Amino acid sequence: MPEASFFTDMLQSITDHGRQLLFSGSRNTQAAAKADLRTLCEMLLSSRGEASGIALAAEILDRWGALDGEGAQNFFHVLHENFGPDTARLDRAMENYRTDKSAVAVIALHQAAEPRRQELLRRLNHAPNGTARLVRMRQQLLASKDQSEAYQALDADFTHLFGSWFNRGFLTLRPIDWSTPAYILEKIIKYEAVHEIAGWEELRRRLAPADRRCFAFFHPRLADEPLVFVEVALTRSLPKAIADVLDEGREQINADEATTAVFYSISNCQDGLRGISFGNFLIKQVVEDLRKDLPGLKNFVTLSPVPGFARWLAKVRAATGDASLSEAALKTLTLLDDPDWPDNESSAADVERVLLPLAARYFLTERTPEGRPVDPVARFHLGNGARLERVNFLGDRSPKAMQQAHGLMVNYLYKLDDIVANHEALAQRGEVIASPAVKTLLNQNDEGRRGGNGQQGSRAFAQLMNSTLGGGRK
C-alpha cells in the first residue's frame, strides 16, 4: 500500500514538526505541555494551524491511550459535559427559526445543534493512525457498563461520524486466499466469530481449495485491518450442516462445477464499529463478483447460525400459563436438558418433531417490541431481501451452537429477482418471506397446539422438502 504509507509518513512528519512548535521553548508552549486533557481539547478546537492541530490531536490521543479504565471513563464524562452544543448559540438559533423559516435559518439551527465534540472527533481523526485510535476509543465506550443518557449521546456522535467515514464508497473489497500476507491471515483466524479456526492448517483448508473463497472489506485508513469478511463454499447442493462444508474429508470440486455459492460465515472484525453496517454491501458485492467469475453459479444461499433461539425457547418453556405449548410438547422439550440427547436416536427424533415447528414460529411470527424478527442473524439476512429457505435440525453440533440454538442452522436464499420485493415485504408489512417447506412447519406448530398428529405432519414436511429442494440438491 505505497500511497497509504506515503500519506502516513507525511502525516507523521507534520506531527513531529507541530510538536516541536507546541511543546518546546516559549511560556505558552510550556503551558500546553502541562495542560490537562480538557484544556488540550479546547486548544485543539480553537487551533487554526495545520501542523499544531495535528500535533495537538496526536498528544490528546497519546494521553488517552495511557489512561486506565477509570481515567477513560472520566474522559468520556468530560466529552459529554464540556463539549456538547453551545446552548446559548442554540437558543438564539431556535428563537430565530421561530420567526424565520429560511434555508439560512435552518442551516444555522443545524450547526448550533451539533455537539462541539463532533468537531473535536473530526480533528482528532487528523492525527497519525487517528481513525484506528478513535475506533478503539468507541470500543472502550461500548465496553462500559454506563448506559446513561450521557453514554447514549456520546455513542450517537461516534455512530454519526463513523457512518460517514466508513461509507461504502470508501471501502475496498479484497479477496483473501492462501497467498494473502500472513499478518492479515492471522487476523482472519483471530476475528472469525461464527466457526472457530483452530490454527493455520484449518485456515488453509478454508482458503486453499479451488472450491473455497473468502472476501473482506478494507478501509484506506485501516489498510491492514479487515472490517468484515465472508467465507464462501462453492458446492453442487444446498448444505444442511456445517460438517458438509468444513469436514476435512469432504469431496472437493472444481470451481466451474459449482452451481451454488454458500455464505457460511460472516464476521465483523472491529468491535468499535458495531452498528455500522458493512455485511449487506459485502454480500451484494461478492455475489456480483462471483457471478462474473463463475457464470455457472445459479444459487446464492447461506448456512447460518440461530444465536437467539435457545434463549427464546427457554423463556417459552418457563412461561406459566402459556397455552402455545401442549403438555406433551413441554415434556418432550425436557429431553433438551440432557446434554447427550442428540446421540439418542429416539430422543433426537422426538425433539426434532417438536423443535422444528417452534423454530418456524420463532422466525415467522415472533417479533421484537419494534416489530422486527427476534433473531439478530435473521434480521440481517431478511432485511437484505433473502428468503428463509430451510431449517436444519442439528446442523451444527459444536458446543457453542448447541448452547445457543440446540444445534439448529438455517439456509437463507438470495434470489436476485426477489430481493427488493422480499425486503419491502418485511420493511413495509413486517412479513417474513419463507419457503413453502418452512410455512408447513408453522402449520405443524398450530396442529401441535390443537393436539394434531405430529408424526403425520412430519412425514408431510419431509415429502415437501424433497419435492421443493430435490432431496437437498440444486
Protein backbone atom coordinates (compact mmCIF):
# COMPACT_ATOMS: atom_id res chain seq x y z
CA MET A 1 0.00 0.00 0.00
CA PRO A 2 2.58 2.67 -1.10
CA GLU A 3 0.11 5.58 -1.23
CA ALA A 4 -1.15 4.92 2.28
CA SER A 5 2.42 4.53 3.53
CA PHE A 6 3.46 7.82 1.91
CA PHE A 7 0.48 9.61 3.46
CA THR A 8 1.21 8.15 6.90
CA ASP A 9 4.87 9.17 6.71
CA MET A 10 3.94 12.68 5.63
CA LEU A 11 1.39 12.99 8.44
CA GLN A 12 3.95 11.82 10.99
CA SER A 13 6.44 14.40 9.71
CA ILE A 14 3.87 17.19 10.08
CA THR A 15 3.01 15.92 13.58
CA ASP A 16 6.65 15.88 14.69
CA HIS A 17 7.16 19.40 13.39
CA GLY A 18 3.98 20.59 15.10
CA ARG A 19 5.04 19.09 18.40
CA GLN A 20 8.34 20.93 18.22
CA LEU A 21 6.38 24.16 17.82
CA LEU A 22 3.94 23.34 20.61
CA PHE A 23 5.95 21.67 23.32
CA SER A 24 9.33 23.38 23.38
CA GLY A 25 10.59 26.85 24.16
CA SER A 26 8.11 29.57 24.97
CA ARG A 27 5.97 30.16 28.03
CA ASN A 28 2.82 29.31 26.04
CA THR A 29 4.22 26.01 24.83
CA GLN A 30 5.30 25.11 28.38
CA ALA A 31 1.72 25.76 29.45
CA ALA A 32 0.49 23.47 26.67
CA ALA A 33 2.82 20.72 27.82
CA LYS A 34 1.36 20.91 31.35
CA ALA A 35 -2.28 21.23 30.26
CA ASP A 36 -4.85 18.57 31.15
CA LEU A 37 -6.84 16.72 28.51
CA ARG A 38 -9.83 19.04 28.68
CA THR A 39 -7.61 22.08 28.09
CA LEU A 40 -5.83 20.36 25.22
CA CYS A 41 -9.20 19.57 23.63
CA GLU A 42 -10.22 23.23 23.92
CA MET A 43 -6.90 24.23 22.36
CA LEU A 44 -7.48 21.79 19.50
CA LEU A 45 -10.93 23.23 18.77
CA SER A 46 -9.54 26.76 18.68
CA SER A 47 -6.41 25.80 16.69
CA ARG A 48 -6.03 27.27 13.20
CA GLY A 49 -2.63 25.90 12.19
CA GLU A 50 -2.47 22.54 10.43
CA ALA A 51 0.79 21.35 11.99
CA SER A 52 -0.12 22.49 15.51
CA GLY A 53 -3.62 21.00 15.17
CA ILE A 54 -2.28 17.59 14.12
CA ALA A 55 0.28 17.70 16.94
CA LEU A 56 -2.42 18.54 19.50
CA ALA A 57 -4.61 15.71 18.19
CA ALA A 58 -1.71 13.25 18.48
CA GLU A 59 -0.90 14.45 22.01
CA ILE A 60 -4.53 14.03 23.13
CA LEU A 61 -4.76 10.52 21.68
CA ASP A 62 -1.39 9.56 23.19
CA ARG A 63 -2.54 10.70 26.63
CA TRP A 64 -5.89 8.98 26.21
CA GLY A 65 -4.12 5.74 25.28
CA ALA A 66 -2.21 5.85 28.57
CA LEU A 67 -5.34 6.21 30.73
CA ASP A 68 -6.56 3.39 32.95
CA GLY A 69 -10.21 2.34 32.95
CA GLU A 70 -11.30 4.98 35.45
CA GLY A 71 -9.36 7.68 33.62
CA ALA A 72 -11.02 6.74 30.32
CA GLN A 73 -14.46 6.95 31.92
CA ASN A 74 -13.61 10.39 33.30
CA PHE A 75 -12.53 11.48 29.83
CA PHE A 76 -15.86 10.33 28.37
CA HIS A 77 -17.62 12.31 31.11
CA VAL A 78 -15.60 15.41 30.15
CA LEU A 79 -16.55 14.96 26.49
CA HIS A 80 -20.23 14.87 27.39
CA GLU A 81 -20.30 17.62 30.00
CA ASN A 82 -17.97 20.14 28.38
CA PHE A 83 -18.19 19.54 24.65
CA GLY A 84 -21.90 19.39 23.96
CA PRO A 85 -23.79 22.02 21.93
CA ASP A 86 -23.24 25.69 22.68
CA THR A 87 -26.58 26.16 24.46
CA ALA A 88 -26.62 29.94 24.18
CA ARG A 89 -25.99 29.75 20.45
CA LEU A 90 -28.61 27.02 20.11
CA ASP A 91 -31.22 29.13 21.97
CA ARG A 92 -30.57 32.05 19.64
CA ALA A 93 -30.82 29.83 16.57
CA MET A 94 -34.09 28.29 17.78
CA GLU A 95 -35.58 31.71 18.51
CA ASN A 96 -34.53 32.96 15.10
CA TYR A 97 -36.03 29.90 13.39
CA ARG A 98 -39.41 30.53 15.02
CA THR A 99 -39.71 33.76 13.05
CA ASP A 100 -37.56 32.91 10.02
CA LYS A 101 -38.07 29.56 8.27
CA SER A 102 -35.49 30.30 5.59
CA ALA A 103 -32.79 27.86 4.47
CA VAL A 104 -30.20 30.09 6.15
CA ALA A 105 -32.03 29.80 9.47
CA VAL A 106 -32.28 26.01 9.11
CA ILE A 107 -28.55 25.74 8.44
CA ALA A 108 -27.78 27.95 11.44
CA LEU A 109 -30.03 25.80 13.65
CA HIS A 110 -28.39 22.61 12.41
CA GLN A 111 -24.90 23.96 13.06
CA ALA A 112 -25.84 25.20 16.53
CA ALA A 113 -27.39 21.85 17.49
CA GLU A 114 -24.24 19.86 16.64
CA PRO A 115 -22.26 18.97 19.77
CA ARG A 116 -18.78 20.50 19.83
CA ARG A 117 -17.35 17.04 20.45
CA GLN A 118 -18.23 16.03 16.88
CA GLU A 119 -15.84 18.65 15.56
CA LEU A 120 -13.36 17.57 18.22
CA LEU A 121 -13.52 13.97 16.99
CA ARG A 122 -13.07 15.15 13.40
CA ARG A 123 -9.91 17.00 14.39
CA LEU A 124 -8.62 14.05 16.44
CA ASN A 125 -9.02 11.99 13.29
CA HIS A 126 -6.25 14.09 11.68
CA ALA A 127 -3.60 12.55 13.95
CA PRO A 128 -1.43 9.70 12.66
CA ASN A 129 -3.50 6.49 12.99
CA GLY A 130 -6.30 8.73 14.25
CA THR A 131 -9.09 6.68 12.68
CA ALA A 132 -7.89 3.41 14.21
CA ARG A 133 -7.44 5.04 17.62
CA LEU A 134 -10.93 6.55 17.55
CA VAL A 135 -12.36 3.13 16.66
CA ARG A 136 -10.59 1.76 19.76
CA MET A 137 -11.98 4.68 21.77
CA ARG A 138 -15.53 3.76 20.81
CA GLN A 139 -14.76 0.10 21.53
CA GLN A 140 -13.87 1.14 25.07
CA LEU A 141 -17.04 3.23 25.27
CA LEU A 142 -19.18 0.28 24.20
CA ALA A 143 -17.50 -1.92 26.81
CA SER A 144 -18.61 0.48 29.53
CA LYS A 145 -21.41 -0.59 31.84
CA ASP A 146 -22.67 3.00 31.78
CA GLN A 147 -25.97 3.17 29.88
CA SER A 148 -26.92 6.73 30.92
CA GLU A 149 -28.19 9.46 28.60
CA ALA A 150 -24.63 10.82 28.52
CA TYR A 151 -23.36 7.47 27.22
CA GLN A 152 -26.12 7.34 24.60
CA ALA A 153 -25.38 10.89 23.42
CA LEU A 154 -21.66 10.27 23.10
CA ASP A 155 -22.17 6.99 21.25
CA ALA A 156 -24.60 8.72 18.89
CA ASP A 157 -21.83 11.15 17.94
CA PHE A 158 -19.39 8.33 17.20
CA THR A 159 -22.04 6.45 15.21
CA HIS A 160 -22.93 9.54 13.18
CA LEU A 161 -19.31 10.23 12.23
CA PHE A 162 -18.33 6.61 11.61
CA GLY A 163 -21.38 6.18 9.38
CA SER A 164 -19.85 8.84 7.10
CA TRP A 165 -16.19 7.88 7.43
CA PHE A 166 -16.89 4.21 6.71
CA ASN A 167 -19.33 4.86 3.89
CA ARG A 168 -19.41 2.07 1.27
CA GLY A 169 -17.77 4.42 -1.21
CA PHE A 170 -14.56 4.40 0.86
CA LEU A 171 -14.36 0.63 1.26
CA THR A 172 -12.42 -1.75 -0.96
CA LEU A 173 -13.27 -5.41 -1.45
CA ARG A 174 -10.24 -7.69 -1.46
CA PRO A 175 -10.08 -11.48 -1.90
CA ILE A 176 -8.39 -13.37 0.92
CA ASP A 177 -6.57 -16.52 -0.13
CA TRP A 178 -3.64 -18.65 0.93
CA SER A 179 -1.21 -16.19 -0.70
CA THR A 180 -2.50 -13.20 1.33
CA PRO A 181 0.17 -11.78 3.69
CA ALA A 182 0.42 -13.69 6.95
CA TYR A 183 -0.27 -10.64 9.13
CA ILE A 184 -3.74 -10.39 7.55
CA LEU A 185 -4.36 -14.15 7.68
CA GLU A 186 -3.60 -14.05 11.41
CA LYS A 187 -6.42 -11.55 11.79
CA ILE A 188 -8.82 -13.80 9.88
CA ILE A 189 -8.08 -16.51 12.46
CA LYS A 190 -8.45 -14.03 15.31
CA TYR A 191 -11.68 -12.39 14.13
CA GLU A 192 -13.59 -15.49 12.94
CA ALA A 193 -16.74 -15.24 15.07
CA VAL A 194 -19.03 -17.99 13.75
CA HIS A 195 -16.95 -21.15 13.29
CA GLU A 196 -13.66 -21.01 15.17
CA ILE A 197 -10.49 -21.55 13.16
CA ALA A 198 -8.23 -23.77 15.27
CA GLY A 199 -4.97 -22.86 13.52
CA TRP A 200 -3.07 -22.45 10.29
CA GLU A 201 -3.86 -25.89 8.90
CA GLU A 202 -7.59 -25.37 9.34
CA LEU A 203 -7.31 -21.91 7.77
CA ARG A 204 -5.52 -23.48 4.79
CA ARG A 205 -8.43 -25.90 4.33
CA ARG A 206 -10.82 -22.94 4.18
CA LEU A 207 -8.77 -20.84 1.76
CA ALA A 208 -6.59 -23.02 -0.44
CA PRO A 209 -9.02 -25.42 -2.22
CA ALA A 210 -10.44 -24.45 -5.61
CA ASP A 211 -14.00 -24.57 -4.27
CA ARG A 212 -13.42 -22.06 -1.45
CA ARG A 213 -13.46 -18.26 -1.46
CA CYS A 214 -13.04 -15.52 1.14
CA PHE A 215 -13.57 -11.78 0.73
CA ALA A 216 -13.07 -8.83 3.09
CA PHE A 217 -13.81 -5.13 3.17
CA PHE A 218 -10.92 -2.79 4.00
CA HIS A 219 -10.78 0.95 4.66
CA PRO A 220 -7.84 3.04 3.40
CA ARG A 221 -7.07 4.38 6.88
CA LEU A 222 -7.13 0.86 8.38
CA ALA A 223 -5.30 -0.70 5.46
CA ASP A 224 -4.20 -3.90 7.21
CA GLU A 225 -7.33 -4.39 9.33
CA PRO A 226 -10.30 -6.20 7.74
CA LEU A 227 -13.62 -4.64 8.73
CA VAL A 228 -15.79 -7.63 7.86
CA PHE A 229 -15.16 -10.83 5.91
CA VAL A 230 -17.25 -13.62 4.45
CA GLU A 231 -16.24 -17.23 3.81
CA VAL A 232 -17.81 -18.93 0.79
CA ALA A 233 -18.13 -22.58 -0.18
CA LEU A 234 -18.75 -23.44 -3.84
CA THR A 235 -20.95 -26.55 -3.99
CA ARG A 236 -23.37 -28.54 -6.11
CA SER A 237 -26.04 -28.71 -3.40
CA LEU A 238 -27.65 -26.83 -0.53
CA PRO A 239 -25.82 -27.91 2.66
CA LYS A 240 -27.83 -28.95 5.69
CA ALA A 241 -24.98 -28.99 8.20
CA ILE A 242 -21.72 -27.17 8.72
CA ALA A 243 -19.90 -30.50 8.56
CA ASP A 244 -20.89 -30.67 4.88
CA VAL A 245 -18.78 -27.55 4.39
CA LEU A 246 -15.91 -27.90 6.87
CA ASP A 247 -15.38 -31.67 7.06
CA GLU A 248 -11.73 -32.41 6.28
CA GLY A 249 -12.71 -35.47 4.27
CA ARG A 250 -15.37 -33.77 2.14
CA GLU A 251 -15.37 -34.17 -1.65
CA GLN A 252 -13.67 -31.22 -3.33
CA ILE A 253 -14.84 -29.97 -6.72
CA ASN A 254 -13.53 -27.59 -9.35
CA ALA A 255 -14.95 -24.10 -9.11
CA ASP A 256 -16.57 -24.29 -12.55
CA GLU A 257 -18.53 -27.38 -11.44
CA ALA A 258 -20.32 -25.45 -8.71
CA THR A 259 -23.94 -24.35 -9.02
CA THR A 260 -24.32 -22.91 -5.51
CA ALA A 261 -22.35 -20.34 -3.52
CA VAL A 262 -22.79 -20.86 0.21
CA PHE A 263 -22.02 -17.97 2.58
CA TYR A 264 -21.28 -19.95 5.72
CA SER A 265 -19.55 -17.38 7.94
CA ILE A 266 -19.74 -13.59 8.12
CA SER A 267 -17.58 -11.99 10.80
CA ASN A 268 -17.40 -8.35 11.85
CA CYS A 269 -13.84 -7.60 12.93
CA GLN A 270 -13.87 -4.24 14.71
CA ASP A 271 -15.87 -4.01 17.94
CA GLY A 272 -15.56 -0.24 17.79
CA LEU A 273 -17.59 -0.25 14.56
CA ARG A 274 -20.51 -2.19 16.00
CA GLY A 275 -23.76 -0.97 14.48
CA ILE A 276 -22.04 0.35 11.34
CA SER A 277 -23.39 -1.99 8.68
CA PHE A 278 -20.98 -3.47 6.14
CA GLY A 279 -22.28 -7.01 5.71
CA ASN A 280 -25.18 -6.14 3.42
CA PHE A 281 -22.85 -4.35 1.00
CA LEU A 282 -20.35 -7.18 1.31
CA ILE A 283 -22.78 -9.91 0.27
CA LYS A 284 -24.12 -7.94 -2.68
CA GLN A 285 -20.61 -7.13 -3.94
CA VAL A 286 -19.41 -10.71 -3.51
CA VAL A 287 -22.45 -12.07 -5.36
CA GLU A 288 -21.73 -9.68 -8.22
CA ASP A 289 -18.05 -10.66 -8.38
CA LEU A 290 -18.77 -14.40 -8.18
CA ARG A 291 -21.34 -14.19 -10.97
CA LYS A 292 -18.78 -12.54 -13.22
CA ASP A 293 -16.07 -15.10 -12.48
CA LEU A 294 -18.30 -18.20 -12.35
CA PRO A 295 -21.33 -17.84 -14.63
CA GLY A 296 -22.39 -21.40 -13.76
CA LEU A 297 -23.48 -20.28 -10.28
CA LYS A 298 -27.27 -20.25 -10.03
CA ASN A 299 -27.96 -20.22 -6.28
CA PHE A 300 -26.67 -17.91 -3.57
CA VAL A 301 -27.51 -19.13 -0.08
CA THR A 302 -26.27 -19.00 3.48
CA LEU A 303 -25.74 -21.64 6.11
CA SER A 304 -26.41 -19.52 9.16
CA PRO A 305 -26.45 -19.88 12.95
CA VAL A 306 -29.51 -19.08 15.07
CA PRO A 307 -27.90 -17.37 18.08
CA GLY A 308 -31.10 -16.34 19.88
CA PHE A 309 -33.19 -19.49 19.59
CA ALA A 310 -32.24 -21.32 22.80
CA ARG A 311 -32.69 -18.18 24.88
CA TRP A 312 -36.14 -17.58 23.38
CA LEU A 313 -37.18 -21.22 23.82
CA ALA A 314 -36.12 -21.15 27.47
CA LYS A 315 -38.48 -18.21 28.06
CA VAL A 316 -41.31 -20.03 26.29
CA ARG A 317 -40.78 -23.12 28.42
CA ALA A 318 -40.62 -21.07 31.62
CA ALA A 319 -43.75 -19.02 30.89
CA THR A 320 -46.54 -20.13 33.19
CA GLY A 321 -50.00 -20.25 31.68
CA ASP A 322 -48.62 -20.14 28.13
CA ALA A 323 -51.05 -22.16 26.00
CA SER A 324 -48.74 -22.12 22.98
CA LEU A 325 -47.18 -25.45 24.00
CA SER A 326 -49.07 -28.62 24.82
CA GLU A 327 -48.14 -30.68 27.86
CA ALA A 328 -46.77 -33.37 25.56
CA ALA A 329 -44.54 -30.84 23.80
CA LEU A 330 -43.27 -29.44 27.10
CA LYS A 331 -42.47 -32.96 28.27
CA THR A 332 -40.57 -33.67 25.06
CA LEU A 333 -38.55 -30.47 25.46
CA THR A 334 -37.26 -31.68 28.83
CA LEU A 335 -35.07 -34.00 26.76
CA LEU A 336 -33.01 -30.91 25.89
CA ASP A 337 -31.82 -30.79 29.50
CA ASP A 338 -29.83 -33.96 28.91
CA PRO A 339 -26.59 -32.98 27.10
CA ASP A 340 -26.46 -36.41 25.43
CA TRP A 341 -29.89 -36.18 23.77
CA PRO A 342 -28.53 -35.81 20.20
CA ASP A 343 -26.78 -39.19 20.49
CA ASN A 344 -30.01 -41.00 21.34
CA GLU A 345 -31.86 -41.72 18.11
CA SER A 346 -35.28 -41.90 19.73
CA SER A 347 -34.78 -38.72 21.76
CA ALA A 348 -33.46 -36.85 18.75
CA ALA A 349 -36.48 -37.85 16.67
CA ASP A 350 -38.86 -36.69 19.40
CA VAL A 351 -37.04 -33.39 19.81
CA GLU A 352 -36.97 -32.79 16.06
CA ARG A 353 -40.74 -33.26 15.82
CA VAL A 354 -41.33 -30.53 18.41
CA LEU A 355 -38.36 -28.25 17.79
CA LEU A 356 -38.73 -27.57 14.06
CA PRO A 357 -42.30 -26.18 14.28
CA LEU A 358 -41.19 -24.00 17.19
CA ALA A 359 -38.30 -22.74 15.09
CA ALA A 360 -40.77 -21.78 12.35
CA ARG A 361 -42.78 -19.84 14.92
CA TYR A 362 -39.58 -18.18 16.17
CA PHE A 363 -38.76 -16.91 12.68
CA LEU A 364 -42.18 -16.24 11.18
CA THR A 365 -44.32 -14.85 14.00
CA GLU A 366 -42.17 -13.76 16.94
CA ARG A 367 -41.20 -10.07 16.94
CA THR A 368 -39.21 -7.56 18.98
CA PRO A 369 -41.10 -4.61 20.52
CA GLU A 370 -40.11 -2.66 17.38
CA GLY A 371 -41.82 -5.28 15.19
CA ARG A 372 -38.63 -6.86 13.83
CA PRO A 373 -37.62 -10.56 13.75
CA VAL A 374 -36.21 -11.55 17.12
CA ASP A 375 -33.14 -13.35 15.82
CA PRO A 376 -30.23 -10.98 15.01
CA VAL A 377 -28.91 -13.05 12.08
CA ALA A 378 -32.43 -13.33 10.69
CA ARG A 379 -32.86 -9.56 10.92
CA PHE A 380 -29.70 -9.11 8.88
CA HIS A 381 -30.43 -11.55 6.04
CA LEU A 382 -34.20 -11.00 5.85
CA GLY A 383 -33.62 -7.25 5.95
CA ASN A 384 -31.29 -7.67 2.98
CA GLY A 385 -34.04 -9.34 0.98
CA ALA A 386 -33.21 -13.01 1.49
CA ARG A 387 -35.85 -15.72 1.81
CA LEU A 388 -35.94 -18.11 4.75
CA GLU A 389 -35.39 -21.30 2.81
CA ARG A 390 -34.86 -24.19 5.23
CA VAL A 391 -34.45 -25.00 8.92
CA ASN A 392 -31.78 -27.63 9.55
CA PHE A 393 -32.05 -29.86 12.61
CA LEU A 394 -28.68 -30.49 14.30
CA GLY A 395 -26.92 -28.57 11.57
CA ASP A 396 -24.12 -27.66 13.96
CA ARG A 397 -23.23 -29.82 16.95
CA SER A 398 -20.41 -27.67 18.26
CA PRO A 399 -20.74 -26.70 21.96
CA LYS A 400 -21.42 -23.08 21.02
CA ALA A 401 -24.23 -23.95 18.60
CA MET A 402 -25.79 -26.46 20.99
CA GLN A 403 -25.83 -23.83 23.73
CA GLN A 404 -27.21 -21.02 21.53
CA ALA A 405 -29.59 -22.90 19.25
CA HIS A 406 -29.80 -26.57 20.28
CA GLY A 407 -27.83 -27.24 17.09
CA LEU A 408 -30.21 -25.53 14.65
CA MET A 409 -28.93 -23.87 11.48
CA VAL A 410 -30.89 -22.24 8.67
CA ASN A 411 -30.47 -21.50 4.97
CA TYR A 412 -31.36 -18.07 3.64
CA LEU A 413 -31.77 -17.86 -0.14
CA TYR A 414 -30.70 -14.75 -2.05
CA LYS A 415 -32.79 -14.96 -5.22
CA LEU A 416 -31.68 -11.87 -7.09
CA ASP A 417 -35.02 -11.21 -8.81
CA ASP A 418 -36.88 -11.25 -5.49
CA ILE A 419 -34.53 -9.36 -3.16
CA VAL A 420 -36.28 -5.98 -3.45
CA ALA A 421 -39.77 -7.45 -3.02
CA ASN A 422 -38.68 -9.55 -0.02
CA HIS A 423 -37.07 -6.53 1.62
CA GLU A 424 -40.17 -4.41 1.09
CA ALA A 425 -42.43 -7.15 2.48
CA LEU A 426 -40.50 -7.11 5.75
CA ALA A 427 -39.96 -3.34 5.91
CA GLN A 428 -43.49 -2.29 4.96
CA ARG A 429 -45.68 -5.14 6.22
CA GLY A 430 -43.48 -6.94 8.73
CA GLU A 431 -43.82 -10.13 6.67
CA VAL A 432 -41.06 -12.72 6.63
CA ILE A 433 -40.83 -14.34 3.20
CA ALA A 434 -40.27 -18.07 3.63
CA SER A 435 -40.32 -21.21 1.51
CA PRO A 436 -43.40 -23.46 1.45
CA ALA A 437 -41.45 -26.02 3.50
CA VAL A 438 -40.90 -23.57 6.37
CA LYS A 439 -44.52 -22.40 6.24
CA THR A 440 -45.61 -26.02 6.50
CA LEU A 441 -43.58 -26.29 9.69
CA LEU A 442 -45.52 -23.37 11.15
CA ASN A 443 -48.78 -25.16 10.35
CA GLN A 444 -47.44 -28.20 12.21
CA ASN A 445 -46.90 -25.94 15.21
CA ASP A 446 -50.55 -24.89 15.07
CA GLU A 447 -51.65 -28.54 14.79
CA GLY A 448 -49.47 -29.42 17.77
CA ARG A 449 -51.29 -26.87 19.93
CA ARG A 450 -54.60 -28.47 18.90
CA GLY A 451 -53.23 -31.96 19.56
CA GLY A 452 -52.81 -32.91 15.88
CA ASN A 453 -50.84 -35.86 14.56
CA GLY A 454 -47.22 -34.67 14.72
CA GLN A 455 -45.81 -37.76 13.02
CA GLN A 456 -48.15 -37.39 10.07
CA GLY A 457 -47.20 -33.72 9.76
CA SER A 458 -43.53 -34.61 9.95
CA ARG A 459 -43.88 -37.07 7.07
CA ALA A 460 -45.74 -34.46 5.01
CA PHE A 461 -43.00 -31.97 5.69
CA ALA A 462 -40.30 -34.42 4.59
CA GLN A 463 -42.15 -35.08 1.34
CA LEU A 464 -42.48 -31.35 0.68
CA MET A 465 -38.79 -30.75 1.38
CA ASN A 466 -37.83 -33.45 -1.12
CA SER A 467 -40.10 -32.08 -3.82
CA THR A 468 -39.04 -28.47 -3.20
CA LEU A 469 -35.29 -28.96 -2.87
CA GLY A 470 -34.77 -32.07 -4.91
CA GLY A 471 -33.54 -34.10 -1.97
CA GLY A 472 -31.06 -31.42 -0.98
CA ARG A 473 -29.52 -30.85 -4.42
CA LYS A 474 -29.82 -27.71 -6.53
